[in-house]
PDB file of N, CA and C in Angstrom:
ATOM      1  N   MET A   1      84.907 119.216 110.845  1.00  0.00           N
ATOM      2  CA  MET A   1      85.269 119.048 109.459  1.00  0.00           C
ATOM      3  C   MET A   1      86.792 119.127 109.336  1.00  0.00           C
ATOM      4  N   LEU A   2      87.325 118.243 108.524  1.00  0.00           N
ATOM      5  CA  LEU A   2      88.767 118.237 108.305  1.00  0.00           C
ATOM      6  C   LEU A   2      89.170 119.349 107.348  1.00  0.00           C
ATOM      7  N   ARG A   3      90.283 119.978 107.643  1.00  0.00           N
ATOM      8  CA  ARG A   3      90.815 121.021 106.763  1.00  0.00           C
ATOM      9  C   ARG A   3      91.959 120.510 105.907  1.00  0.00           C
ATOM     10  N   ARG A   4      92.528 119.364 106.311  1.00  0.00           N
ATOM     11  CA  ARG A   4      93.612 118.749 105.546  1.00  0.00           C
ATOM     12  C   ARG A   4      93.486 117.238 105.701  1.00  0.00           C
ATOM     13  N   PRO A   5      94.089 116.475 104.804  1.00  0.00           N
ATOM     14  CA  PRO A   5      93.988 115.017 104.906  1.00  0.00           C
ATOM     15  C   PRO A   5      94.606 114.487 106.206  1.00  0.00           C
ATOM     16  N   HIS A   6      94.007 113.424 106.726  1.00  0.00           N
ATOM     17  CA  HIS A   6      94.509 112.714 107.907  1.00  0.00           C
ATOM     18  C   HIS A   6      94.435 111.224 107.611  1.00  0.00           C
ATOM     19  N   ASP A   7      95.285 110.459 108.252  1.00  0.00           N
ATOM     20  CA  ASP A   7      95.219 109.008 108.119  1.00  0.00           C
ATOM     21  C   ASP A   7      94.324 108.435 109.205  1.00  0.00           C
ATOM     22  N   CYS A   8      93.572 107.384 108.846  1.00  0.00           N
ATOM     23  CA  CYS A   8      92.781 106.647 109.827  1.00  0.00           C
ATOM     24  C   CYS A   8      93.744 106.084 110.863  1.00  0.00           C
ATOM     25  N   ASP A   9      93.426 106.260 112.138  1.00  0.00           N
ATOM     26  CA  ASP A   9      94.303 105.788 113.204  1.00  0.00           C
ATOM     27  C   ASP A   9      94.334 104.267 113.316  1.00  0.00           C
ATOM     28  N   ARG A  10      93.405 103.577 112.683  1.00  0.00           N
ATOM     29  CA  ARG A  10      93.387 102.110 112.767  1.00  0.00           C
ATOM     30  C   ARG A  10      94.032 101.457 111.555  1.00  0.00           C
ATOM     31  N   CYS A  11      93.649 101.868 110.335  1.00  0.00           N
ATOM     32  CA  CYS A  11      94.129 101.163 109.136  1.00  0.00           C
ATOM     33  C   CYS A  11      95.065 101.986 108.265  1.00  0.00           C
ATOM     34  N   GLY A  12      95.138 103.294 108.494  1.00  0.00           N
ATOM     35  CA  GLY A  12      96.045 104.137 107.725  1.00  0.00           C
ATOM     36  C   GLY A  12      95.473 104.718 106.447  1.00  0.00           C
ATOM     37  N   THR A  13      94.228 104.391 106.107  1.00  0.00           N
ATOM     38  CA  THR A  13      93.595 104.967 104.920  1.00  0.00           C
ATOM     39  C   THR A  13      93.529 106.483 105.061  1.00  0.00           C
ATOM     40  N   THR A  14      93.833 107.197 103.990  1.00  0.00           N
ATOM     41  CA  THR A  14      93.778 108.655 104.033  1.00  0.00           C
ATOM     42  C   THR A  14      92.330 109.129 104.017  1.00  0.00           C
ATOM     43  N   ILE A  15      92.001 109.997 104.952  1.00  0.00           N
ATOM     44  CA  ILE A  15      90.686 110.627 105.033  1.00  0.00           C
ATOM     45  C   ILE A  15      90.864 112.051 104.527  1.00  0.00           C
ATOM     46  N   ALA A  16      90.234 112.357 103.408  1.00  0.00           N
ATOM     47  CA  ALA A  16      90.374 113.672 102.784  1.00  0.00           C
ATOM     48  C   ALA A  16      89.282 114.612 103.284  1.00  0.00           C
ATOM     49  N   PRO A  17      89.547 115.926 103.252  1.00  0.00           N
ATOM     50  CA  PRO A  17      88.486 116.878 103.578  1.00  0.00           C
ATOM     51  C   PRO A  17      87.255 116.595 102.708  1.00  0.00           C
ATOM     52  N   GLY A  18      86.094 116.572 103.308  1.00  0.00           N
ATOM     53  CA  GLY A  18      84.858 116.269 102.590  1.00  0.00           C
ATOM     54  C   GLY A  18      84.440 114.814 102.702  1.00  0.00           C
ATOM     55  N   ASP A  19      85.371 113.915 103.055  1.00  0.00           N
ATOM     56  CA  ASP A  19      85.034 112.507 103.260  1.00  0.00           C
ATOM     57  C   ASP A  19      84.301 112.335 104.586  1.00  0.00           C
ATOM     58  N   GLU A  20      83.482 111.298 104.671  1.00  0.00           N
ATOM     59  CA  GLU A  20      82.875 110.948 105.951  1.00  0.00           C
ATOM     60  C   GLU A  20      83.922 110.260 106.810  1.00  0.00           C
ATOM     61  N   TYR A  21      83.847 110.454 108.123  1.00  0.00           N
ATOM     62  CA  TYR A  21      84.784 109.838 109.061  1.00  0.00           C
ATOM     63  C   TYR A  21      84.160 109.848 110.441  1.00  0.00           C
ATOM     64  N   ALA A  22      84.787 109.150 111.370  1.00  0.00           N
ATOM     65  CA  ALA A  22      84.349 109.159 112.762  1.00  0.00           C
ATOM     66  C   ALA A  22      85.451 109.769 113.611  1.00  0.00           C
ATOM     67  N   ALA A  23      85.063 110.606 114.541  1.00  0.00           N
ATOM     68  CA  ALA A  23      85.991 111.166 115.522  1.00  0.00           C
ATOM     69  C   ALA A  23      85.617 110.558 116.869  1.00  0.00           C
ATOM     70  N   VAL A  24      86.566 109.870 117.494  1.00  0.00           N
ATOM     71  CA  VAL A  24      86.316 109.171 118.750  1.00  0.00           C
ATOM     72  C   VAL A  24      87.119 109.841 119.856  1.00  0.00           C
ATOM     73  N   ASP A  25      86.443 110.262 120.902  1.00  0.00           N
ATOM     74  CA  ASP A  25      87.089 110.807 122.097  1.00  0.00           C
ATOM     75  C   ASP A  25      86.693 109.917 123.267  1.00  0.00           C
ATOM     76  N   GLY A  26      87.659 109.563 124.067  1.00  0.00           N
ATOM     77  CA  GLY A  26      87.366 108.725 125.226  1.00  0.00           C
ATOM     78  C   GLY A  26      88.436 108.879 126.285  1.00  0.00           C
ATOM     79  N   ILE A  27      88.226 108.200 127.380  1.00  0.00           N
ATOM     80  CA  ILE A  27      89.188 108.212 128.476  1.00  0.00           C
ATOM     81  C   ILE A  27      89.702 106.785 128.648  1.00  0.00           C
ATOM     82  N   ALA A  28      90.998 106.619 128.523  1.00  0.00           N
ATOM     83  CA  ALA A  28      91.653 105.327 128.728  1.00  0.00           C
ATOM     84  C   ALA A  28      92.367 105.361 130.078  1.00  0.00           C
ATOM     85  N   PRO A  29      92.685 104.199 130.654  1.00  0.00           N
ATOM     86  CA  PRO A  29      93.362 104.179 131.954  1.00  0.00           C
ATOM     87  C   PRO A  29      94.655 104.989 131.977  1.00  0.00           C
ATOM     88  N   ASP A  30      95.352 105.024 130.849  1.00  0.00           N
ATOM     89  CA  ASP A  30      96.627 105.748 130.816  1.00  0.00           C
ATOM     90  C   ASP A  30      96.501 107.161 130.252  1.00  0.00           C
ATOM     91  N   GLY A  31      95.286 107.647 130.095  1.00  0.00           N
ATOM     92  CA  GLY A  31      95.100 109.016 129.618  1.00  0.00           C
ATOM     93  C   GLY A  31      94.002 109.129 128.581  1.00  0.00           C
ATOM     94  N   GLU A  32      93.981 110.265 127.940  1.00  0.00           N
ATOM     95  CA  GLU A  32      92.953 110.594 126.965  1.00  0.00           C
ATOM     96  C   GLU A  32      93.173 109.831 125.664  1.00  0.00           C
ATOM     97  N   LEU A  33      92.096 109.442 125.021  1.00  0.00           N
ATOM     98  CA  LEU A  33      92.142 108.739 123.747  1.00  0.00           C
ATOM     99  C   LEU A  33      91.408 109.574 122.714  1.00  0.00           C
ATOM    100  N   ARG A  34      92.062 109.883 121.619  1.00  0.00           N
ATOM    101  CA  ARG A  34      91.426 110.590 120.511  1.00  0.00           C
ATOM    102  C   ARG A  34      91.830 109.884 119.237  1.00  0.00           C
ATOM    103  N   ALA A  35      90.862 109.634 118.360  1.00  0.00           N
ATOM    104  CA  ALA A  35      91.160 108.926 117.119  1.00  0.00           C
ATOM    105  C   ALA A  35      90.240 109.404 116.014  1.00  0.00           C
ATOM    106  N   LEU A  36      90.784 109.441 114.804  1.00  0.00           N
ATOM    107  CA  LEU A  36      89.993 109.646 113.599  1.00  0.00           C
ATOM    108  C   LEU A  36      89.943 108.312 112.874  1.00  0.00           C
ATOM    109  N   LEU A  37      88.738 107.878 112.512  1.00  0.00           N
ATOM    110  CA  LEU A  37      88.562 106.595 111.852  1.00  0.00           C
ATOM    111  C   LEU A  37      87.851 106.766 110.525  1.00  0.00           C
ATOM    112  N   CYS A  38      88.260 105.975 109.526  1.00  0.00           N
ATOM    113  CA  CYS A  38      87.547 105.954 108.253  1.00  0.00           C
ATOM    114  C   CYS A  38      86.194 105.277 108.482  1.00  0.00           C
ATOM    115  N   VAL A  39      85.328 105.326 107.500  1.00  0.00           N
ATOM    116  CA  VAL A  39      83.977 104.780 107.632  1.00  0.00           C
ATOM    117  C   VAL A  39      84.014 103.282 107.938  1.00  0.00           C
ATOM    118  N   GLU A  40      84.887 102.538 107.259  1.00  0.00           N
ATOM    119  CA  GLU A  40      84.957 101.092 107.471  1.00  0.00           C
ATOM    120  C   GLU A  40      85.412 100.754 108.890  1.00  0.00           C
ATOM    121  N   CYS A  41      86.419 101.451 109.396  1.00  0.00           N
ATOM    122  CA  CYS A  41      86.901 101.192 110.756  1.00  0.00           C
ATOM    123  C   CYS A  41      85.886 101.648 111.796  1.00  0.00           C
ATOM    124  N   ALA A  42      85.162 102.720 111.514  1.00  0.00           N
ATOM    125  CA  ALA A  42      84.107 103.169 112.426  1.00  0.00           C
ATOM    126  C   ALA A  42      83.005 102.117 112.508  1.00  0.00           C
ATOM    127  N   ALA A  43      82.665 101.508 111.373  1.00  0.00           N
ATOM    128  CA  ALA A  43      81.653 100.451 111.366  1.00  0.00           C
ATOM    129  C   ALA A  43      82.140  99.238 112.155  1.00  0.00           C
ATOM    130  N   ALA A  44      83.418  98.881 112.003  1.00  0.00           N
ATOM    131  CA  ALA A  44      83.985  97.756 112.754  1.00  0.00           C
ATOM    132  C   ALA A  44      83.954  98.042 114.256  1.00  0.00           C
ATOM    133  N   LEU A  45      84.273  99.260 114.647  1.00  0.00           N
ATOM    134  CA  LEU A  45      84.223  99.640 116.061  1.00  0.00           C
ATOM    135  C   LEU A  45      82.792  99.550 116.589  1.00  0.00           C
ATOM    136  N   SER A  46      81.832 100.010 115.811  1.00  0.00           N
ATOM    137  CA  SER A  46      80.425  99.940 116.229  1.00  0.00           C
ATOM    138  C   SER A  46      79.987  98.495 116.429  1.00  0.00           C
ATOM    139  N   ARG A  47      80.373  97.605 115.491  1.00  0.00           N
ATOM    140  CA  ARG A  47      80.025  96.186 115.631  1.00  0.00           C
ATOM    141  C   ARG A  47      80.667  95.599 116.891  1.00  0.00           C
ATOM    142  N   PHE A  48      81.928  95.943 117.144  1.00  0.00           N
ATOM    143  CA  PHE A  48      82.624  95.454 118.332  1.00  0.00           C
ATOM    144  C   PHE A  48      81.917  95.919 119.605  1.00  0.00           C
ATOM    145  N   LEU A  49      81.571  97.191 119.666  1.00  0.00           N
ATOM    146  CA  LEU A  49      80.919  97.734 120.857  1.00  0.00           C
ATOM    147  C   LEU A  49      79.520  97.160 121.053  1.00  0.00           C
ATOM    148  N   ASP A  50      78.868  96.778 119.947  1.00  0.00           N
ATOM    149  CA  ASP A  50      77.544  96.157 120.031  1.00  0.00           C
ATOM    150  C   ASP A  50      77.621  94.674 120.384  1.00  0.00           C
ATOM    151  N   GLY A  51      78.844  94.126 120.436  1.00  0.00           N
ATOM    152  CA  GLY A  51      79.018  92.720 120.769  1.00  0.00           C
ATOM    153  C   GLY A  51      78.840  91.781 119.598  1.00  0.00           C
ATOM    154  N   ALA A  52      78.871  92.322 118.398  1.00  0.00           N
ATOM    155  CA  ALA A  52      78.681  91.473 117.206  1.00  0.00           C
ATOM    156  C   ALA A  52      79.986  90.894 116.724  1.00  0.00           C
TER     157      ALA A  52
END
């Protein structure tokens, strides 16, 4: 849960405490990847990963 507002790492929309969001953790070739995404960007990522 967020304790303070954060910007979506993809589009910059502010994610406020209490809003739904996606937290993405992964391993990239150049190191660790961590991102907070708004609902719309999380949906776009899901579609991309599903090949849609």
